[in-house]
């Protein structure tokens, strides 16, 4: 395995991969106040998917699926 410390070529990666932010807290976590709607809107602007990883809650994932089916990927952080 090789690790490259450089800015990724996002447009090139999009050709072969799904881009996903794998750790994002929403208002369903005590340490965030970000509405799921705002998260989904920004992801759609950037052309990426998101895995809401709220603490002990699937509320962010369920809300994301209602707003934009397929954009949110299941995630959870058990504390």
C-alpha atoms as a PDB file:
ATOM      1  CA  UNK A   1       0.000   0.000   0.000  1.00  0.00           C
ATOM      2  CA  UNK A   2       1.203   3.500  -0.782  1.00  0.00           C
ATOM      3  CA  UNK A   3       0.185   6.708   0.939  1.00  0.00           C
ATOM      4  CA  UNK A   4       0.369   9.921  -1.069  1.00  0.00           C
ATOM      5  CA  UNK A   5       0.494  13.244   0.765  1.00  0.00           C
ATOM      6  CA  UNK A   6      -0.925  15.496  -1.883  1.00  0.00           C
ATOM      7  CA  UNK A   7      -4.201  17.095  -2.847  1.00  0.00           C
ATOM      8  CA  UNK A   8      -6.460  14.432  -4.384  1.00  0.00           C
ATOM      9  CA  UNK A   9      -7.560  14.790  -7.986  1.00  0.00           C
ATOM     10  CA  UNK A  10     -11.286  14.805  -7.199  1.00  0.00           C
ATOM     11  CA  UNK A  11     -12.489  14.926 -10.801  1.00  0.00           C
ATOM     12  CA  UNK A  12     -10.345  11.914 -11.663  1.00  0.00           C
ATOM     13  CA  UNK A  13     -11.524   9.977  -8.595  1.00  0.00           C
ATOM     14  CA  UNK A  14     -15.189  10.630  -9.483  1.00  0.00           C
ATOM     15  CA  UNK A  15     -14.743   8.606 -12.660  1.00  0.00           C
ATOM     16  CA  UNK A  16     -14.117   5.354 -10.780  1.00  0.00           C
ATOM     17  CA  UNK A  17     -15.254   5.921  -7.198  1.00  0.00           C
ATOM     18  CA  UNK A  18     -18.146   7.191  -5.098  1.00  0.00           C
ATOM     19  CA  UNK A  19     -16.966  10.053  -2.900  1.00  0.00           C
ATOM     20  CA  UNK A  20     -18.305   9.790   0.658  1.00  0.00           C
ATOM     21  CA  UNK A  21     -17.683  11.809   3.822  1.00  0.00           C
ATOM     22  CA  UNK A  22     -17.585   8.851   6.213  1.00  0.00           C
ATOM     23  CA  UNK A  23     -17.980  10.743   9.493  1.00  0.00           C
ATOM     24  CA  UNK A  24     -20.408  13.605   9.922  1.00  0.00           C
ATOM     25  CA  UNK A  25     -22.548  14.581  12.921  1.00  0.00           C
ATOM     26  CA  UNK A  26     -25.959  16.216  12.546  1.00  0.00           C
ATOM     27  CA  UNK A  27     -28.415  17.785  14.974  1.00  0.00           C
ATOM     28  CA  UNK A  28     -29.174  14.252  16.160  1.00  0.00           C
ATOM     29  CA  UNK A  29     -25.856  14.299  18.087  1.00  0.00           C
ATOM     30  CA  UNK A  30     -25.322  16.340  21.233  1.00  0.00           C
ATOM     31  CA  UNK A  31     -22.100  17.792  19.793  1.00  0.00           C
ATOM     32  CA  UNK A  32     -23.637  19.218  16.594  1.00  0.00           C
ATOM     33  CA  UNK A  33     -26.455  21.553  15.662  1.00  0.00           C
ATOM     34  CA  UNK A  34     -26.197  21.143  11.892  1.00  0.00           C
ATOM     35  CA  UNK A  35     -29.578  20.378  10.302  1.00  0.00           C
ATOM     36  CA  UNK A  36     -29.635  17.311   8.086  1.00  0.00           C
ATOM     37  CA  UNK A  37     -31.149  19.457   5.319  1.00  0.00           C
ATOM     38  CA  UNK A  38     -28.044  21.675   5.314  1.00  0.00           C
ATOM     39  CA  UNK A  39     -25.733  18.655   5.200  1.00  0.00           C
ATOM     40  CA  UNK A  40     -27.588  17.131   2.252  1.00  0.00           C
ATOM     41  CA  UNK A  41     -27.722  20.435   0.387  1.00  0.00           C
ATOM     42  CA  UNK A  42     -23.956  20.905   0.714  1.00  0.00           C
ATOM     43  CA  UNK A  43     -23.251  17.308  -0.312  1.00  0.00           C
ATOM     44  CA  UNK A  44     -25.386  17.760  -3.407  1.00  0.00           C
ATOM     45  CA  UNK A  45     -23.505  20.981  -4.247  1.00  0.00           C
ATOM     46  CA  UNK A  46     -20.180  19.150  -3.924  1.00  0.00           C
ATOM     47  CA  UNK A  47     -21.376  15.967  -5.603  1.00  0.00           C
ATOM     48  CA  UNK A  48     -20.496  13.719  -2.658  1.00  0.00           C
ATOM     49  CA  UNK A  49     -22.401  11.291  -0.437  1.00  0.00           C
ATOM     50  CA  UNK A  50     -22.395  11.400   3.354  1.00  0.00           C
ATOM     51  CA  UNK A  51     -22.541   8.915   6.203  1.00  0.00           C
ATOM     52  CA  UNK A  52     -24.200  10.691   9.132  1.00  0.00           C
ATOM     53  CA  UNK A  53     -22.525   9.156  12.176  1.00  0.00           C
ATOM     54  CA  UNK A  54     -24.549  10.597  15.003  1.00  0.00           C
ATOM     55  CA  UNK A  55     -23.905   9.463  18.559  1.00  0.00           C
ATOM     56  CA  UNK A  56     -26.267   6.625  19.469  1.00  0.00           C
ATOM     57  CA  UNK A  57     -28.828   7.618  16.854  1.00  0.00           C
ATOM     58  CA  UNK A  58     -29.798   6.740  13.309  1.00  0.00           C
ATOM     59  CA  UNK A  59     -31.944   9.884  13.110  1.00  0.00           C
ATOM     60  CA  UNK A  60     -29.550  11.638  10.720  1.00  0.00           C
ATOM     61  CA  UNK A  61     -29.406   8.677   8.351  1.00  0.00           C
ATOM     62  CA  UNK A  62     -33.191   8.287   8.344  1.00  0.00           C
ATOM     63  CA  UNK A  63     -33.752  12.004   7.787  1.00  0.00           C
ATOM     64  CA  UNK A  64     -31.167  12.079   4.982  1.00  0.00           C
ATOM     65  CA  UNK A  65     -32.881   9.178   3.231  1.00  0.00           C
ATOM     66  CA  UNK A  66     -36.227  10.999   3.331  1.00  0.00           C
ATOM     67  CA  UNK A  67     -34.706  14.218   1.955  1.00  0.00           C
ATOM     68  CA  UNK A  68     -32.513  12.730  -0.776  1.00  0.00           C
ATOM     69  CA  UNK A  69     -32.720   8.948  -1.183  1.00  0.00           C
ATOM     70  CA  UNK A  70     -29.309   7.401  -1.788  1.00  0.00           C
ATOM     71  CA  UNK A  71     -27.206  10.408  -0.752  1.00  0.00           C
ATOM     72  CA  UNK A  72     -26.874   9.314   2.876  1.00  0.00           C
ATOM     73  CA  UNK A  73     -25.061   6.095   3.690  1.00  0.00           C
ATOM     74  CA  UNK A  74     -25.769   4.338   6.999  1.00  0.00           C
ATOM     75  CA  UNK A  75     -23.392   5.222   9.805  1.00  0.00           C
ATOM     76  CA  UNK A  76     -23.497   5.348  13.600  1.00  0.00           C
ATOM     77  CA  UNK A  77     -21.147   6.104  16.436  1.00  0.00           C
ATOM     78  CA  UNK A  78     -21.904   4.099  19.564  1.00  0.00           C
ATOM     79  CA  UNK A  79     -20.866   5.869  22.749  1.00  0.00           C
END
